[in-house]
Every structure is written in C-alpha cells, then in structure tokens.
C-alpha atoms as a PDB file:
ATOM      1  CA  MET A   1      93.457  81.455 105.668  1.00  0.00           C
ATOM      2  CA  THR A   2      95.859  81.937 102.509  1.00  0.00           C
ATOM      3  CA  ILE A   3      96.655  85.066 101.011  1.00  0.00           C
ATOM      4  CA  ARG A   4      96.553  84.774  97.081  1.00  0.00           C
ATOM      5  CA  ILE A   5      98.999  86.977  95.238  1.00  0.00           C
ATOM      6  CA  MET A   6     100.002  87.914  92.068  1.00  0.00           C
ATOM      7  CA  ILE A   7     103.486  89.641  91.214  1.00  0.00           C
ATOM      8  CA  ALA A   8     103.971  92.049  88.251  1.00  0.00           C
ATOM      9  CA  ASP A   9     107.385  93.079  87.429  1.00  0.00           C
ATOM     10  CA  ASP A  10     109.543  92.661  83.992  1.00  0.00           C
ATOM     11  CA  HIS A  11     112.273  91.203  85.658  1.00  0.00           C
ATOM     12  CA  LYS A  12     111.985  87.693  85.479  1.00  0.00           C
ATOM     13  CA  VAL A  13     114.461  86.748  88.032  1.00  0.00           C
ATOM     14  CA  VAL A  14     112.655  89.040  90.407  1.00  0.00           C
ATOM     15  CA  ARG A  15     109.289  87.169  89.891  1.00  0.00           C
ATOM     16  CA  LYS A  16     110.870  83.746  90.089  1.00  0.00           C
ATOM     17  CA  GLY A  17     112.891  84.770  93.096  1.00  0.00           C
ATOM     18  CA  LEU A  18     109.912  85.890  95.132  1.00  0.00           C
ATOM     19  CA  GLU A  19     107.794  83.130  94.053  1.00  0.00           C
ATOM     20  CA  PHE A  20     110.355  80.647  95.237  1.00  0.00           C
ATOM     21  CA  PHE A  21     110.422  82.617  98.702  1.00  0.00           C
ATOM     22  CA  PHE A  22     106.739  82.500  99.250  1.00  0.00           C
ATOM     23  CA  GLN A  23     106.636  78.729  98.551  1.00  0.00           C
ATOM     24  CA  THR A  24     108.409  78.572 102.007  1.00  0.00           C
ATOM     25  CA  GLN A  25     105.184  80.668 103.564  1.00  0.00           C
ATOM     26  CA  PRO A  26     102.354  78.343 104.339  1.00  0.00           C
ATOM     27  CA  ASP A  27      99.954  81.346 104.258  1.00  0.00           C
ATOM     28  CA  ILE A  28     100.869  83.170 100.988  1.00  0.00           C
ATOM     29  CA  GLU A  29     100.355  81.736  97.533  1.00  0.00           C
ATOM     30  CA  VAL A  30     101.327  83.026  94.295  1.00  0.00           C
ATOM     31  CA  VAL A  31      98.575  82.435  91.771  1.00  0.00           C
ATOM     32  CA  GLY A  32     100.090  84.373  89.110  1.00  0.00           C
ATOM     33  CA  GLU A  33     102.518  86.578  87.403  1.00  0.00           C
ATOM     34  CA  ALA A  34     103.188  89.190  84.745  1.00  0.00           C
ATOM     35  CA  ASP A  35     105.858  91.261  83.068  1.00  0.00           C
ATOM     36  CA  GLY A  36     103.814  94.260  82.981  1.00  0.00           C
ATOM     37  CA  GLY A  37     100.777  96.311  83.523  1.00  0.00           C
ATOM     38  CA  LYS A  38      98.641  95.153  80.543  1.00  0.00           C
ATOM     39  CA  GLU A  39      98.980  91.374  81.005  1.00  0.00           C
ATOM     40  CA  LEU A  40      98.485  92.042  85.091  1.00  0.00           C
ATOM     41  CA  LEU A  41      95.219  93.457  84.452  1.00  0.00           C
ATOM     42  CA  GLU A  42      94.168  90.729  81.902  1.00  0.00           C
ATOM     43  CA  LYS A  43      95.018  88.067  84.248  1.00  0.00           C
ATOM     44  CA  LEU A  44      93.623  89.713  87.232  1.00  0.00           C
ATOM     45  CA  ALA A  45      90.155  89.592  85.480  1.00  0.00           C
ATOM     46  CA  GLU A  46      90.520  85.833  84.887  1.00  0.00           C
ATOM     47  CA  THR A  47      91.976  84.858  88.530  1.00  0.00           C
ATOM     48  CA  ASN A  48      90.826  85.357  91.985  1.00  0.00           C
ATOM     49  CA  VAL A  49      93.371  87.195  93.733  1.00  0.00           C
ATOM     50  CA  GLU A  50      93.565  89.258  96.926  1.00  0.00           C
ATOM     51  CA  LEU A  51      96.893  91.295  96.748  1.00  0.00           C
ATOM     52  CA  VAL A  52      99.045  92.348  94.020  1.00  0.00           C
ATOM     53  CA  LEU A  53     103.100  92.956  94.358  1.00  0.00           C
ATOM     54  CA  LEU A  54     103.494  95.752  91.604  1.00  0.00           C
ATOM     55  CA  ASP A  55     106.570  97.248  90.361  1.00  0.00           C
ATOM     56  CA  VAL A  56     106.763 101.050  89.410  1.00  0.00           C
ATOM     57  CA  GLN A  57     109.066 100.660  86.035  1.00  0.00           C
ATOM     58  CA  MET A  58     107.554  98.621  83.448  1.00  0.00           C
ATOM     59  CA  PRO A  59     107.661  98.672  79.623  1.00  0.00           C
ATOM     60  CA  ASP A  60     104.270  98.512  78.626  1.00  0.00           C
ATOM     61  CA  MET A  61     102.286 100.389  81.487  1.00  0.00           C
ATOM     62  CA  ASP A  62     104.113 101.745  84.449  1.00  0.00           C
ATOM     63  CA  GLY A  63     103.302 100.981  88.058  1.00  0.00           C
ATOM     64  CA  ILE A  64     101.579 104.076  88.665  1.00  0.00           C
ATOM     65  CA  GLU A  65      99.248 103.924  85.523  1.00  0.00           C
ATOM     66  CA  THR A  66      98.495 100.359  86.390  1.00  0.00           C
ATOM     67  CA  MET A  67      97.838 101.120  89.797  1.00  0.00           C
ATOM     68  CA  LYS A  68      95.245 103.920  88.631  1.00  0.00           C
ATOM     69  CA  ARG A  69      93.621 100.873  86.468  1.00  0.00           C
ATOM     70  CA  ILE A  70      93.328  98.423  89.223  1.00  0.00           C
ATOM     71  CA  ARG A  71      91.202 101.165  91.212  1.00  0.00           C
ATOM     72  CA  GLU A  72      89.104 101.628  88.596  1.00  0.00           C
ATOM     73  CA  ASN A  73      88.423  97.947  87.688  1.00  0.00           C
ATOM     74  CA  PHE A  74      89.250  96.179  91.181  1.00  0.00           C
ATOM     75  CA  PRO A  75      88.654  98.624  94.005  1.00  0.00           C
ATOM     76  CA  ALA A  76      88.783  96.272  96.397  1.00  0.00           C
ATOM     77  CA  MET A  77      92.119  94.596  95.473  1.00  0.00           C
ATOM     78  CA  LYS A  78      95.187  95.445  97.908  1.00  0.00           C
ATOM     79  CA  VAL A  79      98.321  96.611  96.306  1.00  0.00           C
ATOM     80  CA  LEU A  80     101.562  97.110  97.309  1.00  0.00           C
ATOM     81  CA  MET A  81     104.224  98.648  95.318  1.00  0.00           C
ATOM     82  CA  LEU A  82     107.508  96.862  95.550  1.00  0.00           C
ATOM     83  CA  THR A  83     110.198  98.934  93.856  1.00  0.00           C
ATOM     84  CA  SER A  84     113.881 100.467  93.840  1.00  0.00           C
ATOM     85  CA  PHE A  85     112.919 104.055  94.078  1.00  0.00           C
ATOM     86  CA  SER A  86     112.277 106.009  96.989  1.00  0.00           C
ATOM     87  CA  ASP A  87     112.133 109.496  95.755  1.00  0.00           C
ATOM     88  CA  TYR A  88     109.181 111.881  96.425  1.00  0.00           C
ATOM     89  CA  ASP A  89     107.967 112.000  92.462  1.00  0.00           C
ATOM     90  CA  THR A  90     107.556 108.142  92.472  1.00  0.00           C
ATOM     91  CA  VAL A  91     106.414 107.395  96.091  1.00  0.00           C
ATOM     92  CA  ILE A  92     103.629 109.930  96.440  1.00  0.00           C
ATOM     93  CA  PRO A  93     101.910 109.452  92.746  1.00  0.00           C
ATOM     94  CA  ALA A  94     101.851 105.676  94.081  1.00  0.00           C
ATOM     95  CA  ILE A  95      99.897 106.549  97.290  1.00  0.00           C
ATOM     96  CA  GLN A  96      97.686 109.217  95.590  1.00  0.00           C
ATOM     97  CA  ALA A  97      96.732 106.571  93.057  1.00  0.00           C
ATOM     98  CA  GLY A  98      95.581 104.269  95.599  1.00  0.00           C
ATOM     99  CA  ALA A  99      98.548 101.953  96.654  1.00  0.00           C
ATOM    100  CA  ASN A 100      98.125 100.129 100.077  1.00  0.00           C
ATOM    101  CA  GLY A 101     101.832 100.208 100.473  1.00  0.00           C
ATOM    102  CA  TYR A 102     105.107 101.093  99.348  1.00  0.00           C
ATOM    103  CA  GLN A 103     108.302  98.818 100.021  1.00  0.00           C
ATOM    104  CA  LEU A 104     111.729  98.941  98.661  1.00  0.00           C
ATOM    105  CA  LYS A 105     112.988  95.870  96.903  1.00  0.00           C
ATOM    106  CA  ASP A 106     116.165  95.839  99.606  1.00  0.00           C
ATOM    107  CA  ILE A 107     113.450  94.655 102.251  1.00  0.00           C
ATOM    108  CA  ASP A 108     114.358  91.453 104.034  1.00  0.00           C
ATOM    109  CA  PRO A 109     112.255  88.499 102.798  1.00  0.00           C
ATOM    110  CA  ASP A 110     110.536  87.735 105.952  1.00  0.00           C
ATOM    111  CA  GLU A 111     109.623  91.008 106.743  1.00  0.00           C
ATOM    112  CA  LEU A 112     108.100  91.393 102.987  1.00  0.00           C
ATOM    113  CA  ALA A 113     105.802  88.548 104.137  1.00  0.00           C
ATOM    114  CA  ASN A 114     104.798  90.139 107.350  1.00  0.00           C
ATOM    115  CA  VAL A 115     103.855  93.615 105.170  1.00  0.00           C
ATOM    116  CA  ILE A 116     101.592  91.494 102.966  1.00  0.00           C
ATOM    117  CA  ARG A 117      99.940  89.950 105.899  1.00  0.00           C
ATOM    118  CA  LYS A 118      99.556  93.617 107.691  1.00  0.00           C
ATOM    119  CA  ILE A 119      98.084  94.814 104.397  1.00  0.00           C
ATOM    120  CA  HIS A 120      96.050  91.882 103.917  1.00  0.00           C
ATOM    121  CA  LYS A 121      94.211  92.993 106.934  1.00  0.00           C
ATOM    122  CA  GLY A 122      93.681  96.671 106.253  1.00  0.00           C
ATOM    123  CA  GLU A 123      97.031  98.393 107.118  1.00  0.00           C
ATOM    124  CA  THR A 124      98.971 101.002 105.256  1.00  0.00           C
ATOM    125  CA  MET A 125     102.673  99.945 105.015  1.00  0.00           C
ATOM    126  CA  ILE A 126     105.017 102.385 103.490  1.00  0.00           C
ATOM    127  CA  ASP A 127     109.068 102.046 103.950  1.00  0.00           C
ATOM    128  CA  SER A 128     110.309 103.877 106.875  1.00  0.00           C
ATOM    129  CA  LYS A 129     113.188 105.120 104.647  1.00  0.00           C
ATOM    130  CA  ALA A 130     110.988 106.144 101.907  1.00  0.00           C
ATOM    131  CA  ALA A 131     108.796 107.837 104.379  1.00  0.00           C
ATOM    132  CA  ALA A 132     111.785 109.659 106.104  1.00  0.00           C
ATOM    133  CA  GLN A 133     112.827 111.346 102.711  1.00  0.00           C
ATOM    134  CA  LEU A 134     109.172 112.131 101.761  1.00  0.00           C
ATOM    135  CA  MET A 135     108.671 114.180 104.840  1.00  0.00           C
ATOM    136  CA  THR A 136     111.814 116.103 103.978  1.00  0.00           C
ATOM    137  CA  HIS A 137     110.302 117.268 100.849  1.00  0.00           C
ATOM    138  CA  VAL A 138     106.762 117.293 102.353  1.00  0.00           C
ATOM    139  CA  THR A 139     107.684 119.758 105.593  1.00  0.00           C
ATOM    140  CA  GLY A 140     110.951 121.417 104.606  1.00  0.00           C
ATOM    141  CA  SER A 141     111.743 121.102 108.147  1.00  0.00           C
ATOM    142  CA  ASN A 142     114.442 119.223 110.296  1.00  0.00           C
ATOM    143  CA  GLU A 143     113.535 116.099 112.557  1.00  0.00           C
ATOM    144  CA  THR A 144     113.677 118.165 115.609  1.00  0.00           C
ATOM    145  CA  GLU A 145     110.959 120.507 114.790  1.00  0.00           C
ATOM    146  CA  GLU A 146     108.883 117.335 113.229  1.00  0.00           C
ATOM    147  CA  LYS A 147     109.268 115.382 116.636  1.00  0.00           C
ATOM    148  CA  LYS A 148     107.975 118.753 118.536  1.00  0.00           C
ATOM    149  CA  ARG A 149     104.921 118.866 116.205  1.00  0.00           C
ATOM    150  CA  ILE A 150     103.985 115.368 116.399  1.00  0.00           C
ATOM    151  CA  GLY A 151     104.562 115.824 120.189  1.00  0.00           C
ATOM    152  CA  GLU A 152     101.783 118.323 120.390  1.00  0.00           C
ATOM    153  CA  LEU A 153      98.907 116.153 119.223  1.00  0.00           C
ATOM    154  CA  THR A 154      96.620 115.206 122.006  1.00  0.00           C
ATOM    155  CA  LYS A 155      96.294 111.349 122.973  1.00  0.00           C
ATOM    156  CA  ARG A 156      92.716 111.357 121.021  1.00  0.00           C
ATOM    157  CA  GLU A 157      94.773 113.064 117.876  1.00  0.00           C
ATOM    158  CA  MET A 158      97.453 110.360 117.685  1.00  0.00           C
ATOM    159  CA  ASP A 159      94.626 107.728 118.032  1.00  0.00           C
ATOM    160  CA  VAL A 160      93.076 109.328 114.692  1.00  0.00           C
ATOM    161  CA  LEU A 161      96.439 109.498 113.245  1.00  0.00           C
ATOM    162  CA  GLN A 162      97.111 105.783 114.047  1.00  0.00           C
ATOM    163  CA  GLU A 163      93.946 105.161 111.932  1.00  0.00           C
ATOM    164  CA  ILE A 164      94.642 107.455 109.154  1.00  0.00           C
ATOM    165  CA  MET A 165      97.824 105.422 108.910  1.00  0.00           C
ATOM    166  CA  GLN A 166      95.896 102.377 108.226  1.00  0.00           C
ATOM    167  CA  GLY A 167      94.167 104.380 105.403  1.00  0.00           C
ATOM    168  CA  LYS A 168      90.787 104.557 106.872  1.00  0.00           C
ATOM    169  CA  SER A 169      87.950 106.704 106.224  1.00  0.00           C
ATOM    170  CA  ASN A 170      86.345 109.233 108.611  1.00  0.00           C
ATOM    171  CA  LYS A 171      83.277 106.819 109.081  1.00  0.00           C
ATOM    172  CA  GLU A 172      85.677 104.186 109.674  1.00  0.00           C
ATOM    173  CA  ILE A 173      87.577 105.965 112.187  1.00  0.00           C
ATOM    174  CA  ALA A 174      84.249 107.112 113.994  1.00  0.00           C
ATOM    175  CA  ASN A 175      83.188 103.523 114.187  1.00  0.00           C
ATOM    176  CA  THR A 176      86.614 102.037 115.645  1.00  0.00           C
ATOM    177  CA  LEU A 177      86.896 104.918 118.289  1.00  0.00           C
ATOM    178  CA  PHE A 178      83.312 105.277 118.792  1.00  0.00           C
ATOM    179  CA  ILE A 179      83.077 108.745 118.211  1.00  0.00           C
ATOM    180  CA  THR A 180      80.878 110.857 115.848  1.00  0.00           C
ATOM    181  CA  GLU A 181      82.415 111.485 112.256  1.00  0.00           C
ATOM    182  CA  LYS A 182      82.058 115.245 112.942  1.00  0.00           C
ATOM    183  CA  THR A 183      84.247 114.778 115.858  1.00  0.00           C
ATOM    184  CA  VAL A 184      86.669 112.789 113.596  1.00  0.00           C
ATOM    185  CA  LYS A 185      86.653 115.460 110.951  1.00  0.00           C
ATOM    186  CA  THR A 186      87.832 117.896 113.901  1.00  0.00           C
ATOM    187  CA  HIS A 187      90.577 115.535 115.112  1.00  0.00           C
ATOM    188  CA  VAL A 188      91.821 115.401 111.266  1.00  0.00           C
ATOM    189  CA  SER A 189      91.794 119.287 110.824  1.00  0.00           C
ATOM    190  CA  ASN A 190      93.617 119.639 114.169  1.00  0.00           C
ATOM    191  CA  ILE A 191      96.310 116.967 113.141  1.00  0.00           C
ATOM    192  CA  PHE A 192      96.900 118.754 109.731  1.00  0.00           C
ATOM    193  CA  LEU A 193      97.241 121.977 111.429  1.00  0.00           C
ATOM    194  CA  LYS A 194      99.758 121.004 114.182  1.00  0.00           C
ATOM    195  CA  LEU A 195     101.827 118.560 111.624  1.00  0.00           C
ATOM    196  CA  GLU A 196     101.526 121.645 109.240  1.00  0.00           C
ATOM    197  CA  VAL A 197     100.733 118.944 106.416  1.00  0.00           C
ATOM    198  CA  GLN A 198      98.056 119.305 103.360  1.00  0.00           C
ATOM    199  CA  ASP A 199      96.430 115.605 103.202  1.00  0.00           C
ATOM    200  CA  ARG A 200      95.793 112.587 104.649  1.00  0.00           C
ATOM    201  CA  THR A 201      98.774 110.946 102.630  1.00  0.00           C
ATOM    202  CA  GLN A 202     101.480 113.476 104.262  1.00  0.00           C
ATOM    203  CA  ALA A 203     100.010 113.008 107.733  1.00  0.00           C
ATOM    204  CA  ALA A 204     100.024 109.167 107.345  1.00  0.00           C
ATOM    205  CA  LEU A 205     103.868 109.788 106.283  1.00  0.00           C
ATOM    206  CA  PHE A 206     104.572 111.960 109.506  1.00  0.00           C
ATOM    207  CA  GLY A 207     102.736 108.759 111.385  1.00  0.00           C
ATOM    208  CA  VAL A 208     105.120 106.189 109.443  1.00  0.00           C
ATOM    209  CA  LYS A 209     108.252 108.153 110.180  1.00  0.00           C
ATOM    210  CA  TYR A 210     107.808 108.723 114.081  1.00  0.00           C
ATOM    211  CA  LEU A 211     105.151 106.300 115.208  1.00  0.00           C
ATOM    212  CA  SER A 212     106.190 103.266 113.420  1.00  0.00           C
ATOM    213  CA  SER A 213     109.930 102.265 114.993  1.00  0.00           C
END
C-alpha cells in the first residue's frame, strides 16, 4: 500500500530534496507540494492525501496555525511537523494543535521514511532530542529523578503509557488492553501523579524520552 503525502515548506530546495528522496521509497508517493499554509489547505481540498510534512516557519501562515486549520477541515489527516526548531515554545503548540509527530530536519532520510510509516499506522513520533529538552522544561527535574518516577509505574500503567504515546484515547486504550474505560482513567490519573505531569502530551514526552530508545 502506497502512502500519499504532501510537502509544505517555503524552501524549494527542501521540497525538491525530499521529493527526490521519496522517489526511492516504493511505498511513499509525493502527490503535491506547497510553499505555505494557504496553498497547502487549498491543495488538500483538491487532492487525495493521507499524510502531510509540514514546516513550522512559513511566511503566509505558520505551521501551528496551518495545523489548526488542517484539524478543523481534515480531522483524519496525519501530519508530521518537520522543522529545525526543538524549543519548548514551538514543539508544545505543535503537538497541542494536533500534530501526529515532530521531527527535526537533521533526521536521517531513511529514518524519516520509517517515521512516516509509523505515523501512517497511528503512532505518535516525537524526536528524542526535542522530547529530552521539553522534559527539562516540563518537569524541572534531573534525569535521575525522572528515571525514578517512571520506574514507579506498574506494568499495567506502563502499558497504558505506551498507548498514550501512540495518541490513543481512553476508549481506544480500553479496547486494546481489554479493560474498562473507567479503569483506563484510573491508570492515566496514576501515571500523571507518579510522573508529576499535567496532561497526556507531557506523559507522552516522558515516555518518548525513556521508553523509545
């Protein structure tokens, strides 16, 4: 099965470089490109696309606002933010806006292709370097303390955290693990408490940092 993607980046050399690389991947097809958010939204309305590679900084409409518009108009669309920025003020808004993944442009091309495949299957893929930096902002603690926290999770709580990392809802987690939605809510609350995080995004970042290596 071929994954149909569209690339949105205001640098033509980036778009063409990515398109050239994806021609070497038999299961990934570039069906369009755009130099900004407005052009992207127009083309998405006219083209059958399954996944978008979206830059953060674009002149007419930045990636965060574009991400919000995509969620409003194309709720099922998979979106991978591909950018040079790993700072807290860029990554968190992108994930909160609904991005399915966040990767830096220095990623190995073959790894990028694998990330696209995983996102297409429903996983949430956040660059480990960005996640590590984010967790410093989120928890305000050192790595030893963070490892101790994640070590306090029970096996079932760890299972739930893995599902949260894939962006699944409580209902979806319940169906996957064959437990009730009420039980999932209890596990999620315990995870937040033990990891000392405020929401699912922060919990997922914790998992990316310590469970994805």
